[in-house]
Protein backbone atom coordinates (compact mmCIF):
# COMPACT_ATOMS: atom_id res chain seq x y z
CA MET A 1 20.51 -20.40 26.00
CA ILE A 2 19.08 -20.60 29.47
CA LEU A 3 16.63 -18.28 30.34
CA PRO A 4 16.73 -16.50 33.95
CA SER A 5 13.91 -18.11 36.67
CA LYS A 6 13.08 -14.71 38.09
CA THR A 7 10.50 -12.61 36.17
CA ASP A 8 12.95 -8.84 36.42
CA ALA A 9 15.64 -10.79 35.05
CA LEU A 10 13.80 -12.95 32.64
CA THR A 11 12.51 -9.54 31.35
CA ARG A 12 15.72 -8.13 30.89
CA LYS A 13 16.85 -10.81 29.11
CA ALA A 14 13.70 -11.15 26.85
CA LYS A 15 14.29 -7.38 25.91
CA ASP A 16 18.07 -8.00 25.09
CA VAL A 17 17.13 -10.99 23.00
CA ILE A 18 14.34 -8.67 21.03
CA GLU A 19 16.34 -6.24 20.05
CA ALA A 20 19.23 -8.78 18.31
CA CYS A 21 16.47 -10.70 16.94
CA MET A 22 14.81 -7.09 15.39
CA ALA A 23 17.98 -5.16 14.69
CA SER A 24 17.76 -5.19 10.99
CA GLN A 25 13.72 -4.50 11.15
CA GLN A 26 14.37 -0.52 10.22
CA ARG A 27 16.50 -1.47 6.93
CA ARG A 28 14.10 -4.12 5.87
CA VAL A 29 11.20 -1.55 6.66
CA ALA A 30 13.16 0.77 4.18
CA ALA A 31 13.70 -1.95 1.79
CA ALA A 32 9.95 -3.16 1.60
CA LYS A 33 8.35 0.47 1.12
CA VAL A 34 10.71 0.68 -2.03
CA TYR A 35 9.65 -2.72 -3.26
CA ASN A 36 5.78 -1.80 -2.69
CA SER A 37 6.15 1.51 -4.27
CA TRP A 38 7.96 -0.14 -7.41
CA ILE A 39 5.15 -3.10 -7.58
CA GLU A 40 2.35 -0.46 -6.96
CA THR A 41 3.43 1.94 -9.28
CA GLY A 42 5.61 0.57 -11.83
CA SER A 43 7.78 3.66 -10.79
CA ALA A 44 10.02 5.20 -8.40
CA ALA A 45 7.52 6.98 -6.73
CA ALA A 46 8.02 11.01 -6.20
CA SER A 47 10.79 11.05 -8.58
CA ALA A 48 11.77 12.34 -11.77
CA GLY A 49 9.91 15.74 -12.23
CA GLY A 50 6.75 14.24 -10.29
CA MET A 51 5.85 11.17 -12.75
CA GLN A 52 4.91 8.41 -10.41
CA ARG A 53 2.58 5.62 -11.58
CA SER A 54 3.89 4.04 -15.11
CA LEU A 55 1.34 3.67 -17.84
CA ILE A 56 2.52 -0.11 -18.41
CA ASN A 57 3.55 -1.83 -14.64
CA MET A 58 5.03 -5.07 -15.29
CA LEU A 59 5.93 -5.99 -11.78
CA TYR A 60 2.82 -6.64 -10.38
CA SER A 61 1.30 -8.58 -13.25
CA HIS A 62 4.84 -10.67 -13.22
CA VAL A 63 4.75 -11.02 -9.03
CA ASP A 64 1.20 -12.20 -9.42
CA ARG A 65 1.60 -14.48 -12.68
CA LEU A 66 4.72 -15.86 -11.09
CA SER A 67 2.93 -16.84 -7.84
CA SER A 68 0.16 -18.47 -9.35
CA HIS A 69 2.31 -20.72 -11.31
CA LEU A 70 3.95 -21.94 -7.72
CA PHE A 71 1.10 -22.21 -6.07
CA SER A 72 -2.60 -23.11 -6.50
CA PRO A 73 -5.02 -23.53 -3.06
CA THR A 74 -7.67 -24.85 -5.38
CA SER A 75 -6.46 -28.37 -5.90
CA LEU A 76 -4.17 -28.96 -2.93
CA ARG A 77 -4.09 -32.01 -1.19
CA PHE A 78 -1.83 -34.23 1.51
CA SER A 79 -0.91 -37.32 2.00
CA ILE A 80 1.15 -38.85 5.32
CA ASP A 81 3.65 -41.45 4.77
CA TYR A 82 5.97 -43.20 7.08
CA ASP A 83 9.88 -44.12 7.75
CA HIS A 84 8.89 -47.84 8.40
CA HIS A 85 6.55 -50.17 6.93
CA TYR A 86 2.98 -50.76 8.92
CA GLU A 87 0.31 -52.80 8.16
CA LYS A 88 -2.87 -51.72 6.61
CA PRO A 89 -4.89 -50.14 9.79
CA PHE A 90 -2.22 -47.61 9.95
CA LEU A 91 -1.89 -46.93 6.25
CA LEU A 92 -5.97 -46.61 6.41
CA MET A 93 -5.54 -44.19 9.69
CA ALA A 94 -2.95 -42.43 7.75
CA ASP A 95 -5.37 -42.09 4.73
CA THR A 96 -8.04 -40.74 6.86
CA ALA A 97 -5.84 -38.31 8.65
CA ALA A 98 -4.61 -37.00 5.21
CA ARG A 99 -8.04 -36.20 4.61
CA GLN A 100 -8.73 -34.45 7.59
CA LEU A 101 -5.70 -32.46 7.37
CA THR A 102 -6.70 -31.73 3.38
CA ARG A 103 -10.24 -30.40 4.34
CA THR A 104 -9.04 -28.12 7.77
CA TRP A 105 -6.40 -26.39 5.25
CA GLU A 106 -9.70 -25.75 3.03
CA ARG A 107 -12.09 -24.76 5.71
CA ARG A 108 -10.30 -22.88 7.78
CA ASP A 109 -8.53 -20.66 4.71
CA ILE A 110 -5.51 -21.86 5.76
CA ASP A 111 -4.41 -22.80 1.97
CA MET A 112 -5.34 -18.71 0.89
CA VAL A 113 -3.27 -17.69 3.63
CA PHE A 114 -0.23 -19.74 2.26
CA ALA A 115 -0.90 -18.41 -1.23
CA SER A 116 -0.90 -14.86 0.03
CA GLY A 117 2.22 -15.82 1.62
CA VAL A 118 3.66 -16.95 -2.19
CA THR A 119 3.03 -13.47 -3.64
CA VAL A 120 4.39 -11.80 -0.48
CA SER A 121 7.67 -13.64 -0.38
CA ASN A 122 7.76 -13.29 -3.91
CA ALA A 123 7.60 -9.37 -3.36
CA HIS A 124 9.96 -9.22 -0.71
CA GLY A 125 12.09 -12.17 -0.46
CA ALA A 126 10.18 -14.06 2.61
CA ALA A 127 6.85 -14.53 4.52
CA ILE A 128 6.00 -16.35 7.59
CA LEU A 129 2.78 -17.96 8.14
CA LYS A 130 1.62 -18.74 11.70
CA GLN A 131 -0.80 -21.45 12.95
CA GLY A 132 -2.66 -21.51 16.49
CA MET A 133 -5.54 -22.83 17.65
CA GLY A 134 -8.72 -20.28 17.99
CA HIS A 135 -12.24 -20.84 18.98
CA ALA A 136 -13.31 -22.61 15.85
CA GLY A 137 -10.49 -24.63 15.31
CA VAL A 138 -7.00 -24.24 13.61
CA GLU A 139 -6.33 -20.57 12.57
CA ALA A 140 -3.72 -19.15 10.80
CA ARG A 141 -2.25 -15.52 9.51
CA LEU A 142 0.22 -14.38 7.19
CA LEU A 143 3.05 -12.20 9.13
CA MET A 144 5.32 -9.84 6.70
CA PRO A 145 8.81 -9.88 6.84
CA TRP A 146 9.12 -6.96 8.90
CA GLN A 147 7.04 -8.28 11.36
CA PHE A 148 9.76 -10.71 12.37
CA GLY A 149 12.81 -11.07 13.31
CA VAL A 150 15.65 -14.14 13.82
CA TYR A 151 18.86 -14.15 16.18
CA ASN A 152 21.55 -15.20 13.54
CA GLU A 153 19.92 -13.72 9.71
CA GLU A 154 23.18 -16.08 8.23
CA LEU A 155 21.00 -19.48 9.07
CA THR A 156 18.79 -19.60 6.71
CA GLY A 157 16.02 -22.37 8.25
CA LEU A 158 13.73 -21.49 11.37
CA GLY A 159 14.36 -24.66 13.24
CA ASP A 160 18.30 -23.55 13.48
CA GLN A 161 17.67 -20.12 15.09
CA GLU A 162 18.28 -20.09 18.87
CA ALA A 163 15.32 -17.33 19.33
CA VAL A 164 12.67 -15.76 17.00
CA CYS A 165 10.50 -13.20 17.39
CA GLU A 166 7.11 -11.26 16.19
CA SER A 167 6.27 -7.73 16.91
CA GLY A 168 3.05 -6.16 16.36
CA TYR A 169 0.36 -4.75 18.20
CA MET A 170 -2.72 -5.86 20.50
CA THR A 171 -5.87 -3.81 21.07
CA ALA A 172 -7.17 -3.56 24.66
CA ALA A 173 -9.63 -6.34 24.06
CA GLU A 174 -6.60 -8.54 23.28
CA VAL A 175 -4.66 -7.51 26.45
CA TRP A 176 -7.35 -8.06 28.52
CA ARG A 177 -8.41 -11.53 26.99
CA ARG A 178 -4.57 -12.66 27.56
CA ILE A 179 -4.08 -11.38 31.09
CA SER A 180 -7.60 -11.59 32.67
CA HIS A 181 -7.18 -14.94 34.44
CA MET A 182 -3.75 -13.45 35.80
CA ASP A 183 -3.58 -12.31 39.95
CA GLY A 184 -4.07 -8.30 39.91
CA ALA A 185 -5.40 -8.29 36.39
CA GLU A 186 -6.96 -5.04 36.61
CA GLY A 187 -3.86 -3.20 38.15
CA LEU A 188 -1.43 -4.69 35.30
CA TYR A 189 -4.25 -3.89 32.56
CA ARG A 190 -4.07 -0.23 33.49
CA ARG A 191 -0.38 -0.30 33.78
CA ILE A 192 -0.35 -1.59 30.00
CA MET A 193 -2.96 0.57 28.57
CA ALA A 194 -0.59 3.91 30.27
CA HIS A 195 1.52 3.08 27.25
CA ALA A 196 -1.37 2.50 24.55
CA SER A 197 -1.87 4.84 21.59
CA LYS A 198 -4.07 5.37 18.66
CA GLY A 199 -3.69 2.92 15.89
CA SER A 200 -0.01 1.30 15.23
CA ASP A 201 1.54 4.70 15.12
CA GLY A 202 3.70 4.11 18.23
CA ALA A 203 6.97 3.45 16.37
CA THR A 204 8.62 6.08 14.73
CA MET A 205 9.45 3.92 11.82
CA ASP A 206 6.01 4.29 10.86
CA SER A 207 5.72 7.64 10.79
CA PHE A 208 6.17 9.99 7.73
CA PHE A 209 7.42 12.91 10.11
CA HIS A 210 11.28 12.74 11.30
CA GLN A 211 13.04 15.80 12.38
CA VAL A 212 16.19 16.54 10.24
CA LEU A 213 19.23 18.39 11.52
CA SER A 214 22.00 18.85 8.66
CA THR A 215 24.97 20.74 8.14
CA SER A 216 24.68 21.51 4.26
CA VAL A 217 21.80 22.76 2.05
CA LEU A 218 18.93 20.12 1.55
CA ASN A 219 17.70 18.68 -1.76
CA THR A 220 13.69 19.78 -1.17
CA ASP A 221 13.16 19.06 -5.07
CA MET A 222 11.93 16.03 -6.43
CA SER A 223 15.08 16.27 -8.78
CA ASN A 224 17.47 13.70 -7.23
CA THR A 225 15.97 11.11 -4.68
CA SER A 226 19.55 10.20 -3.87
CA THR A 227 20.57 13.35 -1.86
CA ARG A 228 16.84 13.91 -0.44
CA PRO A 229 16.50 13.38 3.39
CA GLY A 230 13.67 11.31 4.34
CA GLY A 231 10.30 13.71 5.64
CA ILE A 232 10.44 16.27 2.29
CA VAL A 233 6.94 16.50 0.92
CA GLN A 234 6.43 17.23 -2.13
CA LEU A 235 3.63 20.22 -2.61
CA ALA A 236 4.18 20.12 -6.68
CA ASN A 237 0.93 19.47 -8.81
CA ALA A 238 2.11 15.92 -9.29
CA ALA A 239 -0.35 13.04 -9.42
CA ALA A 240 -0.66 11.02 -6.74
CA PHE A 241 -1.58 7.66 -6.47
CA PRO A 242 -3.83 5.62 -4.22
CA MET A 243 -1.75 3.14 -1.99
CA SER A 244 -4.24 0.64 -0.02
CA GLY A 245 -3.31 -0.21 3.84
CA ALA A 246 -4.91 -0.95 7.44
CA GLU A 247 -6.32 1.92 9.38
CA ILE A 248 -6.47 1.20 13.32
CA ALA A 249 -8.83 3.45 15.02
CA VAL A 250 -8.41 2.30 18.44
CA ASP A 251 -5.98 2.07 21.45
CA THR A 252 -3.13 -0.08 20.90
CA VAL A 253 -0.10 -1.88 22.55
CA LYS A 254 3.26 -2.87 21.13
CA TYR A 255 3.77 -6.43 21.80
CA HIS A 256 6.66 -8.55 21.13
CA GLU A 257 6.19 -12.48 21.27
CA LEU A 258 9.43 -13.93 21.27
CA TRP A 259 10.24 -18.31 21.39
CA VAL A 260 13.92 -18.49 22.96
CA ARG A 261 15.33 -21.99 22.52
CA ASP A 262 15.94 -22.70 26.19
CA GLU A 263 18.11 -25.97 27.43
CA ASP A 264 16.21 -25.96 31.01
CA MET A 265 12.70 -25.62 31.10
CA GLY A 266 12.27 -26.67 35.02
CA ASP A 267 12.13 -30.44 34.00
CA GLY A 268 15.55 -30.44 32.66
CA VAL A 269 14.53 -30.81 29.04
CA GLY A 270 15.20 -28.43 26.80
CA ASP A 271 12.10 -26.17 24.65
CA TYR A 272 10.94 -23.39 22.77
CA CYS A 273 9.92 -20.77 25.72
CA THR A 274 7.65 -18.34 24.98
CA LEU A 275 7.60 -14.80 26.20
CA ILE A 276 5.52 -11.94 25.69
CA VAL A 277 6.17 -8.69 26.26
CA LEU A 278 4.49 -5.31 26.16
CA GLU A 279 6.31 -2.12 25.49
CA PRO A 280 8.05 -0.66 27.68
CA ASP A 281 8.97 -3.75 29.79
CA ILE A 282 5.77 -5.93 30.74
CA LEU A 283 6.28 -9.46 31.12
CA ILE A 284 2.82 -11.20 30.14
CA SER A 285 3.69 -14.28 29.43
CA SER A 286 6.11 -17.19 30.97
CA ARG A 287 6.30 -15.32 34.50
CA LEU A 288 5.50 -18.23 36.77
CA LYS A 289 6.26 -21.27 34.47
CA LYS A 290 8.42 -21.64 31.27
CA GLN A 291 6.18 -23.31 28.97
CA ASN A 292 5.65 -23.21 25.13
CA LEU A 293 2.32 -22.37 24.31
CA PHE A 294 2.63 -23.57 20.76
CA VAL A 295 3.13 -27.61 20.72
CA PRO A 296 6.37 -28.96 22.62
CA GLN A 297 9.55 -29.10 20.34
CA THR A 298 7.53 -26.86 17.81
CA LEU A 299 7.41 -23.54 16.61
CA PRO A 300 4.00 -21.83 15.25
CA TYR A 301 6.15 -20.39 12.47
CA SER A 302 6.74 -21.47 9.04
CA LEU A 303 8.89 -20.03 6.40
CA ILE A 304 7.40 -18.96 2.81
CA GLN A 305 10.37 -18.44 0.72
CA SER A 306 10.65 -18.83 -3.19
CA ASN A 307 13.70 -16.89 -3.68
CA HIS A 308 16.07 -18.91 -1.38
CA SER A 309 19.46 -16.52 -0.80
CA PRO A 310 22.37 -18.87 1.01
CA GLY A 311 23.50 -16.56 4.08
CA ASN A 312 20.61 -14.97 3.98
CA PHE A 313 17.28 -15.47 5.83
CA TRP A 314 15.05 -13.09 3.96
CA GLY A 315 15.88 -14.39 0.76
CA ARG A 316 15.73 -12.23 -2.38
CA SER A 317 12.93 -10.19 -3.88
CA GLU A 318 11.70 -11.02 -7.48
CA ILE A 319 11.69 -7.41 -8.36
CA GLU A 320 15.52 -6.90 -7.78
CA ASP A 321 16.47 -7.50 -11.30
CA LEU A 322 13.44 -5.92 -12.86
CA MET A 323 13.34 -2.64 -11.51
CA GLU A 324 15.52 -0.75 -14.00
CA PRO A 325 14.45 -2.03 -16.93
CA GLN A 326 10.92 -1.21 -15.66
CA GLY A 327 12.41 2.11 -14.81
CA LEU A 328 13.43 2.26 -18.45
CA LEU A 329 9.86 1.41 -19.99
CA SER A 330 8.43 3.73 -17.92
CA ARG A 331 10.31 6.78 -18.98
CA MET A 332 10.15 5.41 -22.48
CA LEU A 333 6.58 5.41 -22.25
CA GLU A 334 6.41 8.93 -20.70
CA ASP A 335 8.65 10.57 -23.43
CA ILE A 336 6.22 9.06 -26.40
CA ARG A 337 3.16 10.45 -24.43
CA GLN A 338 4.83 13.66 -24.45
CA VAL A 339 5.66 13.71 -27.93
CA LEU A 340 1.95 12.03 -29.15
CA GLY A 341 0.95 14.76 -27.22
CA VAL A 342 2.88 17.51 -29.22
CA GLN A 343 1.80 15.99 -32.24
CA PHE A 344 -1.56 16.95 -31.98
CA ARG A 345 -1.04 20.45 -30.17
CA LYS A 346 1.54 21.20 -33.00
CA VAL A 347 4.70 23.84 -32.82
CA LEU A 348 4.34 26.66 -35.45
CA ALA A 349 7.08 29.21 -36.23
CA PHE A 350 4.84 31.84 -38.25
CA GLU A 351 7.51 33.77 -40.45
CA GLY A 352 7.00 37.36 -41.60
CA TYR A 353 3.69 37.71 -39.15
CA GLU A 354 3.92 40.97 -37.50
CA GLY A 355 1.34 40.25 -34.73
CA VAL A 356 1.14 38.12 -31.79
CA ALA A 357 1.87 34.70 -32.37
CA ASP A 358 -0.29 33.50 -29.08
CA GLU A 359 -3.61 35.06 -30.66
CA LEU A 360 -2.94 33.79 -34.21
CA TYR A 361 -2.34 30.09 -33.34
CA ASP A 362 -5.02 30.03 -30.61
CA GLN A 363 -7.29 31.65 -33.65
CA LEU A 364 -5.99 28.24 -35.51
CA GLN A 365 -6.87 26.11 -32.70
CA THR A 366 -10.21 27.51 -32.40
CA SER A 367 -11.54 27.97 -36.04
CA GLY A 368 -9.00 25.82 -38.12
CA ALA A 369 -8.27 28.63 -40.28
CA ILE A 370 -5.82 31.56 -39.89
CA SER A 371 -5.25 34.85 -42.35
CA LEU A 372 -1.57 35.82 -42.50
CA ASN A 373 0.07 38.74 -44.74
CA PRO A 374 1.61 38.39 -47.81
CA GLY A 375 5.09 36.19 -47.52
CA ALA A 376 4.14 35.32 -44.37
CA ARG A 377 4.63 31.38 -43.82
CA VAL A 378 3.93 28.80 -41.11
CA ASN A 379 6.60 26.68 -40.20
CA ASP A 380 6.03 23.09 -38.58
CA LEU A 381 8.57 22.49 -36.24
CA THR A 382 6.86 19.59 -34.43
CA PRO A 383 8.96 16.67 -33.17
CA ALA A 384 8.32 13.55 -34.64
CA LEU A 385 8.04 10.16 -33.35
CA PRO A 386 11.35 8.27 -33.54
CA PRO A 387 10.66 5.56 -35.99
CA ASP A 388 11.98 2.71 -33.65
CA ALA A 389 10.15 3.91 -30.27
CA LEU A 390 7.47 1.17 -30.47
CA LYS A 391 9.78 -1.24 -31.06
CA MET A 392 11.88 -0.23 -28.42
CA VAL A 393 8.99 -0.59 -26.51
CA GLU A 394 8.38 -4.09 -27.47
CA LEU A 395 12.06 -5.02 -27.25
CA THR A 396 12.12 -3.68 -23.24
CA ILE A 397 9.30 -6.00 -22.63
CA LYS A 398 10.33 -9.05 -24.29
CA LEU A 399 13.76 -8.45 -22.36
CA MET A 400 11.76 -8.08 -18.82
CA ASN A 401 10.10 -11.47 -19.92
CA ASP A 402 13.10 -13.00 -20.64
CA VAL A 403 14.61 -12.01 -17.43
CA SER A 404 11.49 -12.93 -15.44
CA GLY A 405 11.78 -16.66 -16.82
CA PHE A 406 8.55 -16.15 -18.99
CA SER A 407 9.43 -16.10 -22.71
CA GLY A 408 6.50 -16.67 -25.24
CA VAL A 409 6.31 -20.05 -25.04
CA MET A 410 6.17 -19.63 -21.08
CA SER A 411 3.36 -17.42 -21.40
CA GLY A 412 1.13 -19.26 -23.50
CA GLN A 413 2.21 -17.48 -27.03
CA GLY A 414 3.43 -18.80 -30.12
CA GLU A 415 7.09 -18.89 -31.08
CA SER A 416 8.18 -18.55 -34.45
CA GLY A 417 9.21 -21.56 -36.37
CA VAL A 418 7.07 -23.64 -34.03
CA ARG A 419 4.78 -26.13 -36.26
CA ALA A 420 3.88 -28.54 -34.18
CA GLY A 421 2.74 -29.76 -30.48
CA VAL A 422 5.46 -31.97 -29.96
CA HIS A 423 8.22 -29.15 -30.58
CA ALA A 424 5.99 -26.74 -28.80
CA GLU A 425 6.30 -29.18 -25.18
CA THR A 426 9.76 -29.62 -26.15
CA LEU A 427 10.28 -26.27 -25.73
CA LEU A 428 8.03 -25.68 -22.73
CA LYS A 429 10.18 -28.61 -21.00
CA THR A 430 13.32 -27.02 -21.46
CA GLY A 431 11.93 -23.40 -20.63
CA SER A 432 10.19 -24.48 -17.17
CA PRO A 433 13.25 -26.14 -15.00
CA ARG A 434 13.42 -22.92 -13.33
CA LEU A 435 10.08 -22.45 -12.43
CA ARG A 436 9.32 -26.14 -11.61
CA ASP A 437 12.25 -26.11 -8.88
CA ARG A 438 10.96 -22.89 -7.15
CA ALA A 439 7.26 -24.86 -7.62
CA LEU A 440 8.81 -27.90 -5.62
CA LEU A 441 10.76 -25.59 -2.96
CA ILE A 442 7.22 -23.91 -2.15
CA GLU A 443 5.50 -27.44 -2.17
CA ARG A 444 7.90 -28.57 0.82
CA GLN A 445 7.35 -25.23 2.64
CA CYS A 446 3.65 -26.04 2.52
CA ALA A 447 4.17 -29.50 3.44
CA ASP A 448 6.15 -28.14 6.45
CA ALA A 449 3.25 -25.91 7.41
CA ALA A 450 0.83 -28.82 6.76
CA ASP A 451 3.23 -30.55 9.31
CA ARG A 452 2.86 -28.35 12.13
CA THR A 453 -1.01 -28.46 11.49
CA LEU A 454 -1.41 -31.67 11.98
CA ASP A 455 1.09 -31.41 15.67
CA LEU A 456 -1.31 -28.68 16.32
CA MET A 457 -4.30 -31.18 15.68
CA GLN A 458 -2.75 -34.24 17.42
CA ALA A 459 -2.07 -31.69 20.49
CA LYS A 460 -5.39 -29.96 20.62
CA ASP A 461 -8.29 -32.05 19.03
CA ALA A 462 -9.68 -35.57 20.31
CA THR A 463 -12.00 -36.03 17.58
CA VAL A 464 -12.37 -39.87 17.19
CA TYR A 465 -12.23 -40.90 13.82
CA ARG A 466 -12.98 -44.54 12.21
CA THR A 467 -11.58 -46.31 9.32
CA ALA A 468 -13.02 -49.81 7.44
CA LEU A 469 -11.07 -52.54 7.75
CA SER A 470 -13.67 -54.41 6.37
CA GLU A 471 -17.62 -54.25 5.76
CA ALA A 472 -18.00 -55.77 9.26
CA THR A 473 -14.59 -54.12 10.83
CA VAL A 474 -14.70 -50.35 12.10
CA ARG A 475 -11.73 -49.07 13.84
CA GLU A 476 -11.58 -45.78 15.87
CA PHE A 477 -8.86 -43.68 16.44
CA THR A 478 -7.71 -40.36 17.20
CA LEU A 479 -5.00 -38.19 15.66
CA SER A 480 -2.55 -38.55 18.44
CA GLN A 481 -2.70 -42.49 17.95
CA LEU A 482 -0.47 -41.97 14.97
CA PRO A 483 2.80 -43.50 14.59
CA ASP A 484 5.69 -40.63 15.92
CA ASP A 485 7.27 -41.54 12.28
CA ARG A 486 4.74 -39.91 10.12
CA HIS A 487 5.10 -37.16 7.88
CA VAL A 488 3.06 -34.76 5.68
CA THR A 489 3.79 -34.16 1.87
CA VAL A 490 2.00 -32.92 -0.80
CA ASP A 491 0.20 -35.09 -2.97
CA SER A 492 0.66 -35.79 -6.35
CA HIS A 493 2.51 -32.39 -6.43
CA SER A 494 -1.14 -30.82 -6.35
CA ALA A 495 -0.13 -27.44 -5.14
CA SER A 496 1.77 -26.67 -8.05
CA PRO A 497 0.02 -25.87 -11.57
CA ILE A 498 2.89 -26.25 -13.97
CA TYR A 499 3.34 -30.16 -12.79
CA GLU A 500 -0.89 -30.58 -13.50
CA ASP A 501 -0.51 -31.75 -17.07
CA SER A 502 2.58 -33.82 -16.16
CA HIS A 503 0.83 -35.37 -13.37
CA LYS A 504 -2.24 -36.47 -15.49
CA ASP A 505 -0.02 -37.72 -18.14
CA LEU A 506 1.54 -40.21 -15.50
CA VAL A 507 -2.09 -41.40 -13.98
CA SER A 508 -3.13 -42.21 -17.13
CA PHE A 509 0.15 -44.18 -18.15
CA GLY A 510 -0.27 -45.57 -14.72
CA LEU A 511 -3.71 -46.87 -14.98
CA LYS A 512 -2.81 -48.16 -18.87
CA ALA A 513 -0.35 -50.37 -17.42
CA GLY A 514 -2.26 -51.62 -14.23
CA ILE A 515 0.11 -50.21 -11.80
CA ILE A 516 -2.96 -48.57 -10.23
CA GLN A 517 -6.36 -48.95 -9.84
CA GLY A 518 -9.59 -46.23 -10.69
CA ASP A 519 -10.30 -45.64 -7.06
CA SER A 520 -6.08 -44.71 -6.71
CA ALA A 521 -6.93 -42.44 -10.36
CA ILE A 522 -9.81 -41.01 -8.52
CA ASP A 523 -7.72 -39.81 -5.45
CA MET A 524 -5.03 -38.38 -7.57
CA LEU A 525 -6.81 -36.42 -9.64
CA PRO A 526 -9.03 -33.05 -9.12
CA PHE A 527 -12.30 -35.10 -9.39
CA PRO A 528 -15.14 -33.37 -7.22
CA GLU A 529 -17.22 -36.12 -4.63
CA LYS A 530 -14.09 -38.52 -4.62
CA ASP A 531 -16.17 -40.79 -1.73
CA VAL A 532 -19.13 -41.01 -4.36
CA LEU A 533 -17.21 -42.00 -7.64
CA LYS A 534 -14.88 -44.42 -5.66
CA ALA A 535 -18.03 -46.00 -4.05
CA ARG A 536 -19.45 -46.02 -7.84
CA TRP A 537 -16.40 -47.62 -9.22
CA ARG A 538 -15.76 -50.21 -6.66
CA GLU A 539 -19.90 -51.30 -7.24
CA ALA A 540 -18.82 -51.49 -10.71
CA GLN A 541 -15.98 -53.67 -10.29
CA GLN A 542 -17.98 -56.18 -7.86
CA LYS A 543 -20.77 -56.45 -10.88
CA LYS A 544 -17.92 -56.87 -13.23
CA GLU A 545 -16.61 -59.90 -10.76
CA GLN A 546 -20.26 -60.93 -10.82
CA MET A 547 -20.68 -61.03 -14.26
CA LEU A 548 -17.17 -63.38 -14.77
CA ARG A 549 -17.93 -65.49 -12.43
CA GLU A 550 -21.45 -66.31 -13.88
CA HIS A 551 -20.59 -66.34 -17.29
CA PRO A 552 -16.58 -67.79 -17.60
CA GLU A 553 -16.97 -67.79 -21.04
CA LEU A 554 -16.25 -64.23 -21.29
CA LEU A 555 -12.67 -65.34 -20.25
CA ASP A 556 -12.11 -66.45 -23.68
CA LYS A 557 -9.94 -64.02 -25.59
CA GLY A 558 -10.11 -65.74 -28.95
CA GLY A 559 -13.96 -66.46 -28.64
CA LYS A 560 -14.63 -63.06 -27.11
CA GLY A 561 -17.27 -64.15 -25.31
CA LYS A 562 -18.86 -66.56 -27.91
CA LYS A 563 -18.78 -70.22 -28.64
């Protein structure tokens, strides 16, 4: 699209695009609340007679376990390659740049933020990683799916979108930092803060209070959640559960950060134009000149999504197929607990006794003995636990593991009939393709996010790096001097724990076959102090070569060093 140049027209156009991008926000907020409630409690919260937290919650552990299988930041390494063939100096530049990129992700905790994004995407279908340059270097933060919107939700890639929008809240200090350099900043600041409110409760979707108008009788009990309107508060003695969340006690203003693909940025070249609009209609970015506040031709956002869904940008939650089995498990456990409670309290019938049964029962509970009239009897009516109740619980848990893709062998448990390691390894390989495929998808998304980090470092970082072409020749360069056809990839599947053992076997085979050398093996495996180990390996190789030059008889295969 082509954005207007005048501020008033540009603001109106921005508000229209924001409304289009955030059209499904309310629906996604409602879905996120449902998913979060199930994951935190293991049951449909505030429903079914007040039962809220499940005795066994399989959903939280499943999301956490799956995330740890798909991505691990502890041994993450990047590599840089080119589309074309280059000489050794450019290869050394790529190696140095990849090392610096890996260290940037580690030192700035971008790898940890990305790992949190994998967990969020498993729970809610998608997460957005946003990067930028701060005072201390590259910074990254995670956006929840309900904080983000896209122009066309049928397109599953960020690069295909005509516009994307981020919504959130700015504090007063952040607002002033954004506008302090503008003309008339003080008047603009007063105008903005006139619409400020405490915390982030400016939108009705964040508030628990809603007026309800209805022509029928409202269902205000907790028996049927499908007919209960929003805003009904339960006052019964149902056990509550703690839900952790952020609490902001300072004045904030709602903002929308819009990135629009503009065909004319003023120089005849199309690019993303950054528009920051504060509620209700105050434009504070790109007021005088259209510009991309990140890197030319690049968005600061990266999509994290382990469950890709064709035709739906937001993907699919991992717990979609597990909520009903988890609900069944919760109800069975609650029933078992009630039956066991009755087993200890007992249900007794006093036959032929003319006194007050309650007093006699209390006497029995207190002293353990009672006195009955002649001919009176005590009948035990306590319901017994069904003989297959515990087996049903075990079966339900097993079925949930099977549905989630974690069978016994995938969970580190033994299988009946498996008595050899080769057999167990075969079962593991045949049972893990689904996880491996999703791990490769996350790995590709991680590489895409790292590519954006390198774009940012090339544009903002003027640090001079050095590469040793030989012992006497050292070449200096900056990251901006890397060839344009460079690409970032995750080195040796180091982001995916499920590939760790197969990768070690591949490196061992390469060493035995002579395909790779010791220094390459050190780079491919998670050794600490790699530079020290590589220097020691080269020193050992030099001593070995010197020994062979001084004693060529050691090369005599038949004599094995002896004549």
